[in-house]
Amino acid sequence: LPTVAAEDRIILTADQRILNRPLEIEAVRNSKAKLFVYSSKEMTGEAMSSGFLAAADKIKEIAMSRSNYLIVKVYKNGSIMEVNK
């Protein structure tokens, strides 16, 4: 996380368990990472891809507007929702 965050890149994952792991949330916070989590682990690769493409502009906008850490869920319809952890 720190290496990717230091390069000001986003992190995109399908692992929702990270949202329930305090040490991983702390790592996101400490590294000021911008973490985007797919909303369902049961999404197909095609659904993940289309959801990401539909949300790409919103992802870019919110990621660029923050200098601190960020945790956001990405839905297959392209909507996003910030998660407060």
N, C-alpha and C. Protein backbone atom coordinates (compact mmCIF):
# COMPACT_ATOMS: atom_id res chain seq x y z
N LEU A 1 0.80 -1.21 0.00
CA LEU A 1 0.00 0.00 0.00
C LEU A 1 0.84 1.27 0.00
N PRO A 2 1.84 1.37 0.86
CA PRO A 2 2.61 2.62 0.89
C PRO A 2 3.27 2.97 -0.44
N THR A 3 3.79 1.97 -1.14
CA THR A 3 4.47 2.24 -2.42
C THR A 3 3.49 2.78 -3.45
N VAL A 4 2.34 2.14 -3.57
CA VAL A 4 1.33 2.57 -4.54
C VAL A 4 0.79 3.95 -4.16
N ALA A 5 0.50 4.15 -2.88
CA ALA A 5 -0.03 5.44 -2.42
C ALA A 5 0.99 6.55 -2.64
N ALA A 6 2.27 6.27 -2.41
CA ALA A 6 3.32 7.27 -2.60
C ALA A 6 3.41 7.71 -4.06
N GLU A 7 3.05 6.83 -4.97
CA GLU A 7 3.05 7.15 -6.40
C GLU A 7 1.74 7.79 -6.83
N ASP A 8 0.86 8.05 -5.86
CA ASP A 8 -0.44 8.68 -6.08
C ASP A 8 -1.31 7.90 -7.06
N ARG A 9 -1.24 6.58 -6.95
CA ARG A 9 -2.08 5.70 -7.77
C ARG A 9 -3.27 5.24 -6.94
N ILE A 10 -4.31 4.80 -7.63
CA ILE A 10 -5.44 4.22 -6.92
C ILE A 10 -5.22 2.72 -6.77
N ILE A 11 -5.90 2.15 -5.79
CA ILE A 11 -5.87 0.71 -5.56
C ILE A 11 -7.28 0.21 -5.79
N LEU A 12 -7.43 -0.76 -6.67
CA LEU A 12 -8.72 -1.33 -7.00
C LEU A 12 -8.71 -2.80 -6.61
N THR A 13 -9.67 -3.22 -5.79
CA THR A 13 -9.69 -4.60 -5.31
C THR A 13 -11.12 -5.15 -5.27
N ALA A 14 -11.22 -6.45 -5.37
CA ALA A 14 -12.50 -7.15 -5.20
C ALA A 14 -12.60 -7.75 -3.80
N ASP A 15 -11.55 -7.58 -3.00
CA ASP A 15 -11.51 -8.16 -1.65
C ASP A 15 -12.23 -7.25 -0.66
N GLN A 16 -13.50 -7.53 -0.42
CA GLN A 16 -14.28 -6.72 0.52
C GLN A 16 -13.90 -6.95 1.97
N ARG A 17 -13.21 -8.04 2.23
CA ARG A 17 -12.82 -8.33 3.62
C ARG A 17 -11.94 -7.23 4.20
N ILE A 18 -11.25 -6.52 3.34
CA ILE A 18 -10.39 -5.44 3.81
C ILE A 18 -11.19 -4.39 4.60
N LEU A 19 -12.46 -4.24 4.27
CA LEU A 19 -13.31 -3.25 4.94
C LEU A 19 -13.62 -3.62 6.38
N ASN A 20 -13.39 -4.87 6.74
CA ASN A 20 -13.67 -5.35 8.10
C ASN A 20 -12.41 -5.73 8.87
N ARG A 21 -11.27 -5.32 8.36
CA ARG A 21 -9.99 -5.65 9.01
C ARG A 21 -9.32 -4.38 9.49
N PRO A 22 -9.38 -4.13 10.79
CA PRO A 22 -8.85 -2.88 11.35
C PRO A 22 -7.40 -2.58 10.97
N LEU A 23 -6.54 -3.60 10.94
CA LEU A 23 -5.14 -3.35 10.60
C LEU A 23 -4.98 -2.92 9.14
N GLU A 24 -5.79 -3.47 8.27
CA GLU A 24 -5.72 -3.09 6.86
C GLU A 24 -6.28 -1.68 6.66
N ILE A 25 -7.36 -1.36 7.36
CA ILE A 25 -7.90 0.01 7.30
C ILE A 25 -6.86 0.99 7.82
N GLU A 26 -6.19 0.64 8.89
CA GLU A 26 -5.14 1.50 9.44
C GLU A 26 -4.01 1.70 8.43
N ALA A 27 -3.66 0.65 7.70
CA ALA A 27 -2.61 0.76 6.68
C ALA A 27 -3.05 1.69 5.55
N VAL A 28 -4.32 1.63 5.18
CA VAL A 28 -4.86 2.54 4.16
C VAL A 28 -4.75 3.98 4.66
N ARG A 29 -5.18 4.20 5.88
CA ARG A 29 -5.12 5.55 6.47
C ARG A 29 -3.69 6.06 6.55
N ASN A 30 -2.81 5.25 7.12
CA ASN A 30 -1.42 5.69 7.33
C ASN A 30 -0.68 5.98 6.03
N SER A 31 -1.00 5.24 4.99
CA SER A 31 -0.32 5.44 3.71
C SER A 31 -1.03 6.47 2.83
N LYS A 32 -2.19 6.94 3.29
CA LYS A 32 -3.01 7.89 2.52
C LYS A 32 -3.39 7.30 1.16
N ALA A 33 -3.68 6.00 1.17
CA ALA A 33 -4.05 5.30 -0.05
C ALA A 33 -5.46 5.69 -0.50
N LYS A 34 -5.68 5.54 -1.78
CA LYS A 34 -7.00 5.74 -2.36
C LYS A 34 -7.48 4.36 -2.81
N LEU A 35 -8.33 3.76 -1.96
CA LEU A 35 -8.76 2.38 -2.14
C LEU A 35 -10.18 2.34 -2.70
N PHE A 36 -10.34 1.62 -3.80
CA PHE A 36 -11.64 1.42 -4.42
C PHE A 36 -11.94 -0.08 -4.38
N VAL A 37 -13.08 -0.43 -3.79
CA VAL A 37 -13.44 -1.82 -3.54
C VAL A 37 -14.71 -2.15 -4.32
N TYR A 38 -14.65 -3.20 -5.12
CA TYR A 38 -15.88 -3.63 -5.80
C TYR A 38 -16.92 -4.02 -4.77
N SER A 39 -18.17 -3.71 -5.05
CA SER A 39 -19.25 -3.88 -4.08
C SER A 39 -19.65 -5.32 -3.85
N SER A 40 -19.31 -6.20 -4.75
CA SER A 40 -19.70 -7.60 -4.60
C SER A 40 -18.58 -8.51 -5.07
N LYS A 41 -18.25 -9.49 -4.23
CA LYS A 41 -17.20 -10.44 -4.64
C LYS A 41 -17.71 -11.40 -5.70
N GLU A 42 -19.00 -11.40 -5.93
CA GLU A 42 -19.59 -12.31 -6.92
C GLU A 42 -19.72 -11.68 -8.30
N MET A 43 -19.15 -10.50 -8.49
CA MET A 43 -19.19 -9.86 -9.79
C MET A 43 -18.28 -10.61 -10.75
N THR A 44 -18.73 -10.77 -11.97
CA THR A 44 -17.88 -11.39 -12.99
C THR A 44 -16.82 -10.39 -13.43
N GLY A 45 -15.81 -10.87 -14.10
CA GLY A 45 -14.78 -9.99 -14.63
C GLY A 45 -15.37 -8.95 -15.57
N GLU A 46 -16.33 -9.37 -16.36
CA GLU A 46 -16.99 -8.45 -17.29
C GLU A 46 -17.75 -7.36 -16.52
N ALA A 47 -18.45 -7.74 -15.46
CA ALA A 47 -19.19 -6.76 -14.65
C ALA A 47 -18.24 -5.79 -13.96
N MET A 48 -17.10 -6.32 -13.46
CA MET A 48 -16.10 -5.44 -12.83
C MET A 48 -15.57 -4.44 -13.84
N SER A 49 -15.25 -4.92 -15.01
CA SER A 49 -14.70 -4.06 -16.05
C SER A 49 -15.71 -2.99 -16.46
N SER A 50 -16.93 -3.37 -16.71
CA SER A 50 -17.93 -2.38 -17.14
C SER A 50 -18.26 -1.41 -16.01
N GLY A 51 -18.29 -1.89 -14.78
CA GLY A 51 -18.52 -1.01 -13.63
C GLY A 51 -17.40 -0.01 -13.47
N PHE A 52 -16.17 -0.47 -13.63
CA PHE A 52 -15.03 0.43 -13.51
C PHE A 52 -15.05 1.47 -14.62
N LEU A 53 -15.29 1.03 -15.85
CA LEU A 53 -15.32 1.97 -16.97
C LEU A 53 -16.43 3.00 -16.81
N ALA A 54 -17.60 2.56 -16.32
CA ALA A 54 -18.71 3.49 -16.10
C ALA A 54 -18.40 4.49 -14.99
N ALA A 55 -17.59 4.08 -14.02
CA ALA A 55 -17.27 4.93 -12.87
C ALA A 55 -15.96 5.68 -13.03
N ALA A 56 -15.23 5.45 -14.11
CA ALA A 56 -13.86 5.97 -14.25
C ALA A 56 -13.76 7.48 -14.03
N ASP A 57 -14.65 8.25 -14.61
CA ASP A 57 -14.58 9.70 -14.44
C ASP A 57 -14.82 10.11 -12.99
N LYS A 58 -15.80 9.45 -12.35
CA LYS A 58 -16.09 9.76 -10.94
C LYS A 58 -14.92 9.33 -10.04
N ILE A 59 -14.32 8.19 -10.36
CA ILE A 59 -13.17 7.71 -9.60
C ILE A 59 -12.02 8.70 -9.71
N LYS A 60 -11.74 9.14 -10.91
CA LYS A 60 -10.66 10.10 -11.14
C LYS A 60 -10.93 11.40 -10.39
N GLU A 61 -12.14 11.88 -10.48
CA GLU A 61 -12.50 13.15 -9.83
C GLU A 61 -12.34 13.09 -8.32
N ILE A 62 -12.89 12.05 -7.70
CA ILE A 62 -12.81 11.95 -6.24
C ILE A 62 -11.38 11.67 -5.79
N ALA A 63 -10.64 10.86 -6.53
CA ALA A 63 -9.25 10.55 -6.15
C ALA A 63 -8.37 11.79 -6.25
N MET A 64 -8.58 12.60 -7.26
CA MET A 64 -7.76 13.80 -7.43
C MET A 64 -8.13 14.91 -6.45
N SER A 65 -9.34 14.85 -5.91
CA SER A 65 -9.79 15.90 -5.00
C SER A 65 -9.34 15.68 -3.57
N ARG A 66 -8.75 14.54 -3.28
CA ARG A 66 -8.36 14.20 -1.91
C ARG A 66 -6.86 14.05 -1.76
N SER A 67 -6.34 14.61 -0.69
CA SER A 67 -4.93 14.41 -0.39
C SER A 67 -4.76 13.39 0.74
N ASN A 68 -5.85 13.08 1.40
CA ASN A 68 -5.82 12.10 2.49
C ASN A 68 -6.29 10.75 1.96
N TYR A 69 -6.40 9.78 2.86
CA TYR A 69 -6.85 8.44 2.43
C TYR A 69 -8.30 8.48 1.95
N LEU A 70 -8.68 7.47 1.21
CA LEU A 70 -10.02 7.41 0.64
C LEU A 70 -10.40 5.94 0.48
N ILE A 71 -11.61 5.60 0.91
CA ILE A 71 -12.14 4.25 0.71
C ILE A 71 -13.50 4.39 0.05
N VAL A 72 -13.66 3.78 -1.12
CA VAL A 72 -14.87 3.94 -1.93
C VAL A 72 -15.30 2.58 -2.46
N LYS A 73 -16.61 2.32 -2.42
CA LYS A 73 -17.16 1.12 -3.06
C LYS A 73 -17.53 1.46 -4.50
N VAL A 74 -17.27 0.51 -5.40
CA VAL A 74 -17.60 0.66 -6.81
C VAL A 74 -18.65 -0.39 -7.16
N TYR A 75 -19.76 0.07 -7.72
CA TYR A 75 -20.86 -0.83 -8.05
C TYR A 75 -20.86 -1.16 -9.54
N LYS A 76 -21.46 -2.29 -9.89
CA LYS A 76 -21.43 -2.74 -11.28
C LYS A 76 -22.15 -1.79 -12.23
N ASN A 77 -23.05 -0.94 -11.71
CA ASN A 77 -23.74 0.02 -12.57
C ASN A 77 -22.94 1.30 -12.76
N GLY A 78 -21.75 1.37 -12.15
CA GLY A 78 -20.89 2.53 -12.30
C GLY A 78 -21.04 3.57 -11.21
N SER A 79 -21.92 3.33 -10.27
CA SER A 79 -22.05 4.27 -9.16
C SER A 79 -20.95 3.98 -8.13
N ILE A 80 -20.64 4.99 -7.34
CA ILE A 80 -19.64 4.83 -6.28
C ILE A 80 -20.21 5.39 -4.99
N MET A 81 -19.67 4.90 -3.85
CA MET A 81 -20.11 5.39 -2.56
C MET A 81 -18.91 5.37 -1.61
N GLU A 82 -18.62 6.54 -1.03
CA GLU A 82 -17.52 6.63 -0.09
C GLU A 82 -17.89 5.87 1.20
N VAL A 83 -16.91 5.15 1.72
CA VAL A 83 -17.08 4.38 2.94
C VAL A 83 -16.31 5.09 4.04
N ASN A 84 -16.97 5.40 5.12
CA ASN A 84 -16.31 6.06 6.25
C ASN A 84 -15.80 5.01 7.21
N LYS A 85 -14.52 4.83 7.26
CA LYS A 85 -13.89 3.86 8.17
C LYS A 85 -12.83 4.54 8.95
